[in-house]
Amino acid sequence: MEKLFLGINSQIVCIRKKDGKELWRQKVKSGRLTNVYFDENKLFAYSGGHLFCLDAGNGRIRWERTLKGLGYGNCIIASESDNAALISAQMAAQQATAASTAVTSSAATNS
């Protein structure tokens, strides 16, 4: 695979691994945390209580679904082919991000 997909501040960004060049960028629903998951040339993203399916080649949104009744918190995205270790790693990464954000917010408030 030649691409790296980032979810940052309501943006999905596609970066070429060999030189870091940005290939495309797509704005999605506003949210603190934007999760991404790649599967069969589709990129799935969660942000702001919405699930998106994007074309991994060009970043165009194929579809969007509101996840009513589930809130706006953290989201783990996995498919039936993922193993428990991968899902656990995703959860640990999200918890670390949430803890870091809380510390940064607390430090800014106390300044």
PDB file of N, CA and C in Angstrom:
ATOM      1  N   MET A   1       0.835  -1.174   0.000  1.00  0.00           N
ATOM      2  CA  MET A   1       0.000   0.000   0.000  1.00  0.00           C
ATOM      3  C   MET A   1       0.885   1.244   0.000  1.00  0.00           C
ATOM      4  N   GLU A   2       0.553   2.189  -0.832  1.00  0.00           N
ATOM      5  CA  GLU A   2       1.382   3.379  -1.011  1.00  0.00           C
ATOM      6  C   GLU A   2       0.869   4.600  -0.265  1.00  0.00           C
ATOM      7  N   LYS A   3      -0.331   4.519   0.328  1.00  0.00           N
ATOM      8  CA  LYS A   3      -0.955   5.690   0.930  1.00  0.00           C
ATOM      9  C   LYS A   3      -1.106   5.529   2.433  1.00  0.00           C
ATOM     10  N   LEU A   4      -1.137   6.689   3.090  1.00  0.00           N
ATOM     11  CA  LEU A   4      -1.393   6.773   4.512  1.00  0.00           C
ATOM     12  C   LEU A   4      -2.591   7.693   4.680  1.00  0.00           C
ATOM     13  N   PHE A   5      -3.578   7.290   5.497  1.00  0.00           N
ATOM     14  CA  PHE A   5      -4.785   8.072   5.698  1.00  0.00           C
ATOM     15  C   PHE A   5      -4.808   8.601   7.123  1.00  0.00           C
ATOM     16  N   LEU A   6      -5.026   9.900   7.264  1.00  0.00           N
ATOM     17  CA  LEU A   6      -5.053  10.552   8.570  1.00  0.00           C
ATOM     18  C   LEU A   6      -6.437  11.149   8.819  1.00  0.00           C
ATOM     19  N   GLY A   7      -6.900  11.048  10.045  1.00  0.00           N
ATOM     20  CA  GLY A   7      -8.115  11.731  10.467  1.00  0.00           C
ATOM     21  C   GLY A   7      -7.726  12.809  11.457  1.00  0.00           C
ATOM     22  N   ILE A   8      -7.859  14.071  11.058  1.00  0.00           N
ATOM     23  CA  ILE A   8      -7.404  15.185  11.886  1.00  0.00           C
ATOM     24  C   ILE A   8      -8.445  16.297  11.868  1.00  0.00           C
ATOM     25  N   ASN A   9      -8.979  16.640  13.037  1.00  0.00           N
ATOM     26  CA  ASN A   9      -9.878  17.795  13.164  1.00  0.00           C
ATOM     27  C   ASN A   9     -10.912  17.896  12.048  1.00  0.00           C
ATOM     28  N   SER A  10     -11.714  16.875  11.902  1.00  0.00           N
ATOM     29  CA  SER A  10     -12.803  16.845  10.917  1.00  0.00           C
ATOM     30  C   SER A  10     -12.323  16.799   9.468  1.00  0.00           C
ATOM     31  N   GLN A  11     -11.084  16.442   9.246  1.00  0.00           N
ATOM     32  CA  GLN A  11     -10.525  16.317   7.898  1.00  0.00           C
ATOM     33  C   GLN A  11      -9.970  14.906   7.724  1.00  0.00           C
ATOM     34  N   ILE A  12     -10.142  14.360   6.537  1.00  0.00           N
ATOM     35  CA  ILE A  12      -9.472  13.125   6.158  1.00  0.00           C
ATOM     36  C   ILE A  12      -8.417  13.535   5.137  1.00  0.00           C
ATOM     37  N   VAL A  13      -7.178  13.138   5.384  1.00  0.00           N
ATOM     38  CA  VAL A  13      -6.064  13.527   4.518  1.00  0.00           C
ATOM     39  C   VAL A  13      -5.377  12.263   4.019  1.00  0.00           C
ATOM     40  N   CYS A  14      -5.101  12.228   2.725  1.00  0.00           N
ATOM     41  CA  CYS A  14      -4.388  11.111   2.113  1.00  0.00           C
ATOM     42  C   CYS A  14      -2.977  11.575   1.772  1.00  0.00           C
ATOM     43  N   ILE A  15      -1.991  10.865   2.307  1.00  0.00           N
ATOM     44  CA  ILE A  15      -0.573  11.198   2.130  1.00  0.00           C
ATOM     45  C   ILE A  15       0.122  10.052   1.389  1.00  0.00           C
ATOM     46  N   ARG A  16       0.955  10.387   0.411  1.00  0.00           N
ATOM     47  CA  ARG A  16       1.766   9.361  -0.255  1.00  0.00           C
ATOM     48  C   ARG A  16       2.945   9.029   0.652  1.00  0.00           C
ATOM     49  N   LYS A  17       3.103   7.759   0.982  1.00  0.00           N
ATOM     50  CA  LYS A  17       4.123   7.322   1.942  1.00  0.00           C
ATOM     51  C   LYS A  17       5.546   7.624   1.502  1.00  0.00           C
ATOM     52  N   LYS A  18       5.850   7.449   0.230  1.00  0.00           N
ATOM     53  CA  LYS A  18       7.250   7.548  -0.190  1.00  0.00           C
ATOM     54  C   LYS A  18       7.834   8.948  -0.091  1.00  0.00           C
ATOM     55  N   ASP A  19       6.987  10.002  -0.178  1.00  0.00           N
ATOM     56  CA  ASP A  19       7.543  11.353  -0.133  1.00  0.00           C
ATOM     57  C   ASP A  19       6.736  12.337   0.716  1.00  0.00           C
ATOM     58  N   GLY A  20       5.634  11.869   1.317  1.00  0.00           N
ATOM     59  CA  GLY A  20       4.845  12.732   2.188  1.00  0.00           C
ATOM     60  C   GLY A  20       3.931  13.705   1.472  1.00  0.00           C
ATOM     61  N   LYS A  21       3.824  13.597   0.154  1.00  0.00           N
ATOM     62  CA  LYS A  21       2.980  14.518  -0.606  1.00  0.00           C
ATOM     63  C   LYS A  21       1.505  14.270  -0.279  1.00  0.00           C
ATOM     64  N   GLU A  22       0.766  15.363  -0.051  1.00  0.00           N
ATOM     65  CA  GLU A  22      -0.675  15.257   0.170  1.00  0.00           C
ATOM     66  C   GLU A  22      -1.356  15.016  -1.181  1.00  0.00           C
ATOM     67  N   LEU A  23      -2.124  13.930  -1.263  1.00  0.00           N
ATOM     68  CA  LEU A  23      -2.810  13.572  -2.498  1.00  0.00           C
ATOM     69  C   LEU A  23      -4.222  14.133  -2.565  1.00  0.00           C
ATOM     70  N   TRP A  24      -4.901  14.128  -1.438  1.00  0.00           N
ATOM     71  CA  TRP A  24      -6.230  14.733  -1.354  1.00  0.00           C
ATOM     72  C   TRP A  24      -6.594  14.999   0.096  1.00  0.00           C
ATOM     73  N   ARG A  25      -7.632  15.829   0.254  1.00  0.00           N
ATOM     74  CA  ARG A  25      -8.147  16.179   1.580  1.00  0.00           C
ATOM     75  C   ARG A  25      -9.653  16.325   1.467  1.00  0.00           C
ATOM     76  N   GLN A  26     -10.374  15.776   2.454  1.00  0.00           N
ATOM     77  CA  GLN A  26     -11.835  15.854   2.434  1.00  0.00           C
ATOM     78  C   GLN A  26     -12.336  16.273   3.816  1.00  0.00           C
ATOM     79  N   LYS A  27     -13.152  17.318   3.873  1.00  0.00           N
ATOM     80  CA  LYS A  27     -13.779  17.751   5.127  1.00  0.00           C
ATOM     81  C   LYS A  27     -14.987  16.867   5.397  1.00  0.00           C
ATOM     82  N   VAL A  28     -15.114  16.425   6.652  1.00  0.00           N
ATOM     83  CA  VAL A  28     -16.279  15.659   7.080  1.00  0.00           C
ATOM     84  C   VAL A  28     -16.928  16.411   8.246  1.00  0.00           C
ATOM     85  N   LYS A  29     -17.919  15.830   8.845  1.00  0.00           N
ATOM     86  CA  LYS A  29     -18.657  16.465   9.937  1.00  0.00           C
ATOM     87  C   LYS A  29     -17.723  16.874  11.060  1.00  0.00           C
ATOM     88  N   SER A  30     -17.988  18.029  11.638  1.00  0.00           N
ATOM     89  CA  SER A  30     -17.156  18.550  12.712  1.00  0.00           C
ATOM     90  C   SER A  30     -17.187  17.634  13.934  1.00  0.00           C
ATOM     91  N   GLY A  31     -16.014  17.369  14.465  1.00  0.00           N
ATOM     92  CA  GLY A  31     -15.888  16.540  15.655  1.00  0.00           C
ATOM     93  C   GLY A  31     -14.476  16.631  16.200  1.00  0.00           C
ATOM     94  N   ARG A  32     -14.323  16.381  17.513  1.00  0.00           N
ATOM     95  CA  ARG A  32     -12.987  16.438  18.118  1.00  0.00           C
ATOM     96  C   ARG A  32     -12.082  15.329  17.618  1.00  0.00           C
ATOM     97  N   LEU A  33     -12.671  14.156  17.421  1.00  0.00           N
ATOM     98  CA  LEU A  33     -11.888  12.998  17.023  1.00  0.00           C
ATOM     99  C   LEU A  33     -12.416  12.468  15.703  1.00  0.00           C
ATOM    100  N   THR A  34     -11.544  12.257  14.739  1.00  0.00           N
ATOM    101  CA  THR A  34     -11.932  11.723  13.440  1.00  0.00           C
ATOM    102  C   THR A  34     -11.205  10.402  13.234  1.00  0.00           C
ATOM    103  N   ASN A  35     -11.939   9.297  13.290  1.00  0.00           N
ATOM    104  CA  ASN A  35     -11.367   7.958  13.110  1.00  0.00           C
ATOM    105  C   ASN A  35     -11.475   7.548  11.653  1.00  0.00           C
ATOM    106  N   VAL A  36     -10.474   6.808  11.186  1.00  0.00           N
ATOM    107  CA  VAL A  36     -10.508   6.297   9.816  1.00  0.00           C
ATOM    108  C   VAL A  36     -10.188   4.810   9.799  1.00  0.00           C
ATOM    109  N   TYR A  37     -10.713   4.141   8.776  1.00  0.00           N
ATOM    110  CA  TYR A  37     -10.505   2.707   8.616  1.00  0.00           C
ATOM    111  C   TYR A  37     -10.519   2.403   7.119  1.00  0.00           C
ATOM    112  N   PHE A  38      -9.498   1.715   6.626  1.00  0.00           N
ATOM    113  CA  PHE A  38      -9.383   1.375   5.210  1.00  0.00           C
ATOM    114  C   PHE A  38      -9.795  -0.078   4.991  1.00  0.00           C
ATOM    115  N   ASP A  39     -10.609  -0.311   3.940  1.00  0.00           N
ATOM    116  CA  ASP A  39     -11.032  -1.662   3.598  1.00  0.00           C
ATOM    117  C   ASP A  39     -11.448  -1.698   2.130  1.00  0.00           C
ATOM    118  N   GLU A  40     -10.753  -2.466   1.318  1.00  0.00           N
ATOM    119  CA  GLU A  40     -11.100  -2.699  -0.092  1.00  0.00           C
ATOM    120  C   GLU A  40     -11.329  -1.408  -0.890  1.00  0.00           C
ATOM    121  N   ASN A  41     -10.352  -0.519  -0.891  1.00  0.00           N
ATOM    122  CA  ASN A  41     -10.364   0.754  -1.600  1.00  0.00           C
ATOM    123  C   ASN A  41     -11.480   1.693  -1.134  1.00  0.00           C
ATOM    124  N   LYS A  42     -12.017   1.424   0.042  1.00  0.00           N
ATOM    125  CA  LYS A  42     -12.970   2.332   0.672  1.00  0.00           C
ATOM    126  C   LYS A  42     -12.350   2.788   1.981  1.00  0.00           C
ATOM    127  N   LEU A  43     -12.630   4.020   2.326  1.00  0.00           N
ATOM    128  CA  LEU A  43     -12.162   4.567   3.579  1.00  0.00           C
ATOM    129  C   LEU A  43     -13.397   4.929   4.394  1.00  0.00           C
ATOM    130  N   PHE A  44     -13.492   4.375   5.584  1.00  0.00           N
ATOM    131  CA  PHE A  44     -14.612   4.668   6.457  1.00  0.00           C
ATOM    132  C   PHE A  44     -14.120   5.630   7.525  1.00  0.00           C
ATOM    133  N   ALA A  45     -14.924   6.637   7.822  1.00  0.00           N
ATOM    134  CA  ALA A  45     -14.533   7.649   8.790  1.00  0.00           C
ATOM    135  C   ALA A  45     -15.698   7.972   9.708  1.00  0.00           C
ATOM    136  N   TYR A  46     -15.376   8.167  10.985  1.00  0.00           N
ATOM    137  CA  TYR A  46     -16.376   8.584  11.963  1.00  0.00           C
ATOM    138  C   TYR A  46     -15.969   9.953  12.484  1.00  0.00           C
ATOM    139  N   SER A  47     -16.932  10.866  12.516  1.00  0.00           N
ATOM    140  CA  SER A  47     -16.693  12.185  13.085  1.00  0.00           C
ATOM    141  C   SER A  47     -18.028  12.837  13.412  1.00  0.00           C
ATOM    142  N   GLY A  48     -18.123  13.413  14.583  1.00  0.00           N
ATOM    143  CA  GLY A  48     -19.296  14.187  14.956  1.00  0.00           C
ATOM    144  C   GLY A  48     -20.615  13.434  14.885  1.00  0.00           C
ATOM    145  N   GLY A  49     -20.614  12.149  15.243  1.00  0.00           N
ATOM    146  CA  GLY A  49     -21.849  11.378  15.232  1.00  0.00           C
ATOM    147  C   GLY A  49     -22.275  10.893  13.858  1.00  0.00           C
ATOM    148  N   HIS A  50     -21.394  10.972  12.872  1.00  0.00           N
ATOM    149  CA  HIS A  50     -21.695  10.543  11.512  1.00  0.00           C
ATOM    150  C   HIS A  50     -20.658   9.525  11.045  1.00  0.00           C
ATOM    151  N   LEU A  51     -21.100   8.572  10.252  1.00  0.00           N
ATOM    152  CA  LEU A  51     -20.217   7.609   9.608  1.00  0.00           C
ATOM    153  C   LEU A  51     -20.182   7.925   8.125  1.00  0.00           C
ATOM    154  N   PHE A  52     -18.980   7.998   7.560  1.00  0.00           N
ATOM    155  CA  PHE A  52     -18.790   8.319   6.151  1.00  0.00           C
ATOM    156  C   PHE A  52     -18.094   7.159   5.452  1.00  0.00           C
ATOM    157  N   CYS A  53     -18.403   6.998   4.181  1.00  0.00           N
ATOM    158  CA  CYS A  53     -17.657   6.090   3.308  1.00  0.00           C
ATOM    159  C   CYS A  53     -17.083   6.944   2.188  1.00  0.00           C
ATOM    160  N   LEU A  54     -15.760   6.926   2.052  1.00  0.00           N
ATOM    161  CA  LEU A  54     -15.084   7.717   1.026  1.00  0.00           C
ATOM    162  C   LEU A  54     -14.384   6.799   0.037  1.00  0.00           C
ATOM    163  N   ASP A  55     -14.220   7.270  -1.169  1.00  0.00           N
ATOM    164  CA  ASP A  55     -13.408   6.586  -2.160  1.00  0.00           C
ATOM    165  C   ASP A  55     -11.951   6.839  -1.782  1.00  0.00           C
ATOM    166  N   ALA A  56     -11.195   5.794  -1.510  1.00  0.00           N
ATOM    167  CA  ALA A  56      -9.803   5.950  -1.063  1.00  0.00           C
ATOM    168  C   ALA A  56      -8.906   6.535  -2.154  1.00  0.00           C
ATOM    169  N   GLY A  57      -9.307   6.426  -3.404  1.00  0.00           N
ATOM    170  CA  GLY A  57      -8.487   6.948  -4.494  1.00  0.00           C
ATOM    171  C   GLY A  57      -8.547   8.451  -4.652  1.00  0.00           C
ATOM    172  N   ASN A  58      -9.729   9.046  -4.408  1.00  0.00           N
ATOM    173  CA  ASN A  58      -9.870  10.478  -4.651  1.00  0.00           C
ATOM    174  C   ASN A  58     -10.492  11.253  -3.491  1.00  0.00           C
ATOM    175  N   GLY A  59     -10.960  10.571  -2.451  1.00  0.00           N
ATOM    176  CA  GLY A  59     -11.503  11.242  -1.280  1.00  0.00           C
ATOM    177  C   GLY A  59     -12.957  11.654  -1.370  1.00  0.00           C
ATOM    178  N   ARG A  60     -13.604  11.367  -2.479  1.00  0.00           N
ATOM    179  CA  ARG A  60     -15.018  11.738  -2.608  1.00  0.00           C
ATOM    180  C   ARG A  60     -15.877  10.914  -1.654  1.00  0.00           C
ATOM    181  N   ILE A  61     -16.850  11.575  -1.052  1.00  0.00           N
ATOM    182  CA  ILE A  61     -17.758  10.891  -0.137  1.00  0.00           C
ATOM    183  C   ILE A  61     -18.752  10.061  -0.938  1.00  0.00           C
ATOM    184  N   ARG A  62     -18.785   8.752  -0.692  1.00  0.00           N
ATOM    185  CA  ARG A  62     -19.735   7.841  -1.351  1.00  0.00           C
ATOM    186  C   ARG A  62     -21.084   7.883  -0.651  1.00  0.00           C
ATOM    187  N   TRP A  63     -21.034   7.876   0.690  1.00  0.00           N
ATOM    188  CA  TRP A  63     -22.267   7.993   1.462  1.00  0.00           C
ATOM    189  C   TRP A  63     -21.947   8.487   2.864  1.00  0.00           C
ATOM    190  N   GLU A  64     -23.005   8.935   3.551  1.00  0.00           N
ATOM    191  CA  GLU A  64     -22.897   9.427   4.927  1.00  0.00           C
ATOM    192  C   GLU A  64     -24.136   8.964   5.688  1.00  0.00           C
ATOM    193  N   ARG A  65     -23.946   8.530   6.925  1.00  0.00           N
ATOM    194  CA  ARG A  65     -25.055   8.087   7.770  1.00  0.00           C
ATOM    195  C   ARG A  65     -24.944   8.738   9.146  1.00  0.00           C
ATOM    196  N   THR A  66     -26.050   9.276   9.618  1.00  0.00           N
ATOM    197  CA  THR A  66     -26.116   9.789  10.977  1.00  0.00           C
ATOM    198  C   THR A  66     -26.284   8.608  11.919  1.00  0.00           C
ATOM    199  N   LEU A  67     -25.548   8.607  13.001  1.00  0.00           N
ATOM    200  CA  LEU A  67     -25.640   7.536  13.988  1.00  0.00           C
ATOM    201  C   LEU A  67     -26.462   8.040  15.173  1.00  0.00           C
ATOM    202  N   LYS A  68     -27.746   8.216  14.938  1.00  0.00           N
ATOM    203  CA  LYS A  68     -28.653   8.786  15.940  1.00  0.00           C
ATOM    204  C   LYS A  68     -28.710   7.913  17.187  1.00  0.00           C
ATOM    205  N   GLY A  69     -28.736   8.598  18.313  1.00  0.00           N
ATOM    206  CA  GLY A  69     -28.885   7.918  19.589  1.00  0.00           C
ATOM    207  C   GLY A  69     -27.595   7.369  20.175  1.00  0.00           C
ATOM    208  N   LEU A  70     -26.473   7.533  19.475  1.00  0.00           N
ATOM    209  CA  LEU A  70     -25.203   6.991  19.964  1.00  0.00           C
ATOM    210  C   LEU A  70     -24.273   8.059  20.532  1.00  0.00           C
ATOM    211  N   GLY A  71     -24.631   9.311  20.418  1.00  0.00           N
ATOM    212  CA  GLY A  71     -23.805  10.388  20.955  1.00  0.00           C
ATOM    213  C   GLY A  71     -22.656  10.751  20.028  1.00  0.00           C
ATOM    214  N   TYR A  72     -21.695  11.482  20.598  1.00  0.00           N
ATOM    215  CA  TYR A  72     -20.579  12.009  19.812  1.00  0.00           C
ATOM    216  C   TYR A  72     -19.231  11.602  20.366  1.00  0.00           C
ATOM    217  N   GLY A  73     -19.172  10.568  21.173  1.00  0.00           N
ATOM    218  CA  GLY A  73     -17.928  10.146  21.793  1.00  0.00           C
ATOM    219  C   GLY A  73     -17.007   9.403  20.846  1.00  0.00           C
ATOM    220  N   ASN A  74     -15.996   8.776  21.431  1.00  0.00           N
ATOM    221  CA  ASN A  74     -15.027   7.994  20.667  1.00  0.00           C
ATOM    222  C   ASN A  74     -15.708   6.824  19.974  1.00  0.00           C
ATOM    223  N   CYS A  75     -15.123   6.386  18.879  1.00  0.00           N
ATOM    224  CA  CYS A  75     -15.683   5.294  18.090  1.00  0.00           C
ATOM    225  C   CYS A  75     -14.544   4.398  17.606  1.00  0.00           C
ATOM    226  N   ILE A  76     -14.713   3.100  17.752  1.00  0.00           N
ATOM    227  CA  ILE A  76     -13.778   2.128  17.196  1.00  0.00           C
ATOM    228  C   ILE A  76     -14.413   1.599  15.917  1.00  0.00           C
ATOM    229  N   ILE A  77     -13.674   1.584  14.827  1.00  0.00           N
ATOM    230  CA  ILE A  77     -14.167   1.052  13.561  1.00  0.00           C
ATOM    231  C   ILE A  77     -13.400  -0.232  13.267  1.00  0.00           C
ATOM    232  N   ALA A  78     -14.114  -1.327  13.044  1.00  0.00           N
ATOM    233  CA  ALA A  78     -13.485  -2.609  12.748  1.00  0.00           C
ATOM    234  C   ALA A  78     -14.391  -3.383  11.799  1.00  0.00           C
ATOM    235  N   SER A  79     -13.828  -4.347  11.108  1.00  0.00           N
ATOM    236  CA  SER A  79     -14.627  -5.217  10.244  1.00  0.00           C
ATOM    237  C   SER A  79     -14.530  -6.645  10.759  1.00  0.00           C
ATOM    238  N   GLU A  80     -15.275  -7.522  10.140  1.00  0.00           N
ATOM    239  CA  GLU A  80     -15.269  -8.920  10.582  1.00  0.00           C
ATOM    240  C   GLU A  80     -13.916  -9.593  10.389  1.00  0.00           C
ATOM    241  N   SER A  81     -13.031  -9.021   9.590  1.00  0.00           N
ATOM    242  CA  SER A  81     -11.726  -9.631   9.366  1.00  0.00           C
ATOM    243  C   SER A  81     -10.653  -9.158  10.361  1.00  0.00           C
ATOM    244  N   ASP A  82     -10.969  -8.165  11.202  1.00  0.00           N
ATOM    245  CA  ASP A  82      -9.996  -7.668  12.175  1.00  0.00           C
ATOM    246  C   ASP A  82      -9.895  -8.606  13.367  1.00  0.00           C
ATOM    247  N   ASN A  83      -8.710  -8.645  13.950  1.00  0.00           N
ATOM    248  CA  ASN A  83      -8.537  -9.494  15.124  1.00  0.00           C
ATOM    249  C   ASN A  83      -8.599  -8.660  16.404  1.00  0.00           C
ATOM    250  N   ALA A  84      -8.699  -9.317  17.520  1.00  0.00           N
ATOM    251  CA  ALA A  84      -8.856  -8.652  18.815  1.00  0.00           C
ATOM    252  C   ALA A  84      -7.663  -7.758  19.147  1.00  0.00           C
ATOM    253  N   ALA A  85      -6.458  -8.145  18.751  1.00  0.00           N
ATOM    254  CA  ALA A  85      -5.264  -7.343  19.051  1.00  0.00           C
ATOM    255  C   ALA A  85      -5.332  -5.983  18.363  1.00  0.00           C
ATOM    256  N   LEU A  86      -5.796  -5.958  17.115  1.00  0.00           N
ATOM    257  CA  LEU A  86      -5.917  -4.699  16.389  1.00  0.00           C
ATOM    258  C   LEU A  86      -6.945  -3.797  17.050  1.00  0.00           C
ATOM    259  N   ILE A  87      -8.079  -4.350  17.419  1.00  0.00           N
ATOM    260  CA  ILE A  87      -9.126  -3.567  18.059  1.00  0.00           C
ATOM    261  C   ILE A  87      -8.637  -3.037  19.405  1.00  0.00           C
ATOM    262  N   SER A  88      -7.926  -3.846  20.172  1.00  0.00           N
ATOM    263  CA  SER A  88      -7.371  -3.405  21.455  1.00  0.00           C
ATOM    264  C   SER A  88      -6.375  -2.265  21.253  1.00  0.00           C
ATOM    265  N   ALA A  89      -5.576  -2.348  20.212  1.00  0.00           N
ATOM    266  CA  ALA A  89      -4.606  -1.280  19.920  1.00  0.00           C
ATOM    267  C   ALA A  89      -5.323   0.020  19.578  1.00  0.00           C
ATOM    268  N   GLN A  90      -6.409  -0.072  18.819  1.00  0.00           N
ATOM    269  CA  GLN A  90      -7.190   1.122  18.483  1.00  0.00           C
ATOM    270  C   GLN A  90      -7.764   1.752  19.753  1.00  0.00           C
ATOM    271  N   MET A  91      -8.297   0.920  20.625  1.00  0.00           N
ATOM    272  CA  MET A  91      -8.875   1.431  21.870  1.00  0.00           C
ATOM    273  C   MET A  91      -7.813   2.111  22.730  1.00  0.00           C
ATOM    274  N   ALA A  92      -6.633   1.520  22.831  1.00  0.00           N
ATOM    275  CA  ALA A  92      -5.544   2.101  23.622  1.00  0.00           C
ATOM    276  C   ALA A  92      -5.112   3.446  23.038  1.00  0.00           C
ATOM    277  N   ALA A  93      -5.043   3.533  21.729  1.00  0.00           N
ATOM    278  CA  ALA A  93      -4.659   4.789  21.080  1.00  0.00           C
ATOM    279  C   ALA A  93      -5.690   5.877  21.353  1.00  0.00           C
ATOM    280  N   GLN A  94      -6.961   5.532  21.294  1.00  0.00           N
ATOM    281  CA  GLN A  94      -8.006   6.517  21.570  1.00  0.00           C
ATOM    282  C   GLN A  94      -7.959   6.977  23.017  1.00  0.00           C
ATOM    283  N   GLN A  95      -7.738   6.060  23.943  1.00  0.00           N
ATOM    284  CA  GLN A  95      -7.665   6.426  25.353  1.00  0.00           C
ATOM    285  C   GLN A  95      -6.484   7.342  25.613  1.00  0.00           C
ATOM    286  N   ALA A  96      -5.359   7.082  24.959  1.00  0.00           N
ATOM    287  CA  ALA A  96      -4.179   7.939  25.113  1.00  0.00           C
ATOM    288  C   ALA A  96      -4.456   9.332  24.562  1.00  0.00           C
ATOM    289  N   THR A  97      -5.135   9.404  23.422  1.00  0.00           N
ATOM    290  CA  THR A  97      -5.481  10.694  22.828  1.00  0.00           C
ATOM    291  C   THR A  97      -6.419  11.467  23.732  1.00  0.00           C
ATOM    292  N   ALA A  98      -7.423  10.796  24.258  1.00  0.00           N
ATOM    293  CA  ALA A  98      -8.382  11.450  25.152  1.00  0.00           C
ATOM    294  C   ALA A  98      -7.689  11.963  26.411  1.00  0.00           C
ATOM    295  N   ALA A  99      -6.790  11.173  26.975  1.00  0.00           N
ATOM    296  CA  ALA A  99      -6.062  11.585  28.176  1.00  0.00           C
ATOM    297  C   ALA A  99      -5.167  12.785  27.885  1.00  0.00           C
ATOM    298  N   SER A 100      -4.509  12.780  26.748  1.00  0.00           N
ATOM    299  CA  SER A 100      -3.641  13.880  26.344  1.00  0.00           C
ATOM    300  C   SER A 100      -4.448  15.163  26.155  1.00  0.00           C
ATOM    301  N   THR A 101      -5.603  15.040  25.537  1.00  0.00           N
ATOM    302  CA  THR A 101      -6.466  16.205  25.321  1.00  0.00           C
ATOM    303  C   THR A 101      -6.941  16.768  26.645  1.00  0.00           C
ATOM    304  N   ALA A 102      -7.297  15.905  27.582  1.00  0.00           N
ATOM    305  CA  ALA A 102      -7.758  16.351  28.899  1.00  0.00           C
ATOM    306  C   ALA A 102      -6.651  17.091  29.643  1.00  0.00           C
ATOM    307  N   VAL A 103      -5.423  16.577  29.586  1.00  0.00           N
ATOM    308  CA  VAL A 103      -4.291  17.230  30.254  1.00  0.00           C
ATOM    309  C   VAL A 103      -4.006  18.576  29.617  1.00  0.00           C
ATOM    310  N   THR A 104      -4.021  18.655  28.296  1.00  0.00           N
ATOM    311  CA  THR A 104      -3.764  19.900  27.589  1.00  0.00           C
ATOM    312  C   THR A 104      -4.840  20.927  27.938  1.00  0.00           C
ATOM    313  N   SER A 105      -6.106  20.516  27.940  1.00  0.00           N
ATOM    314  CA  SER A 105      -7.204  21.419  28.278  1.00  0.00           C
ATOM    315  C   SER A 105      -7.085  21.917  29.706  1.00  0.00           C
ATOM    316  N   SER A 106      -6.731  21.039  30.611  1.00  0.00           N
ATOM    317  CA  SER A 106      -6.581  21.400  32.015  1.00  0.00           C
ATOM    318  C   SER A 106      -5.441  22.405  32.198  1.00  0.00           C
ATOM    319  N   ALA A 107      -4.336  22.169  31.512  1.00  0.00           N
ATOM    320  CA  ALA A 107      -3.179  23.070  31.602  1.00  0.00           C
ATOM    321  C   ALA A 107      -3.532  24.453  31.061  1.00  0.00           C
ATOM    322  N   ALA A 108      -4.283  24.502  29.964  1.00  0.00           N
ATOM    323  CA  ALA A 108      -4.676  25.779  29.366  1.00  0.00           C
ATOM    324  C   ALA A 108      -5.614  26.539  30.293  1.00  0.00           C
ATOM    325  N   THR A 109      -6.508  25.838  30.990  1.00  0.00           N
ATOM    326  CA  THR A 109      -7.457  26.459  31.897  1.00  0.00           C
ATOM    327  C   THR A 109      -6.755  27.018  33.124  1.00  0.00           C
ATOM    328  N   ASN A 110      -5.727  26.329  33.584  1.00  0.00           N
ATOM    329  CA  ASN A 110      -5.004  26.746  34.777  1.00  0.00           C
ATOM    330  C   ASN A 110      -3.985  27.847  34.525  1.00  0.00           C
ATOM    331  N   SER A 111      -3.729  28.176  33.265  1.00  0.00           N
ATOM    332  CA  SER A 111      -2.728  29.196  32.934  1.00  0.00           C
ATOM    333  C   SER A 111      -3.229  30.586  33.189  1.00  0.00           C
TER     334      SER A 111
END
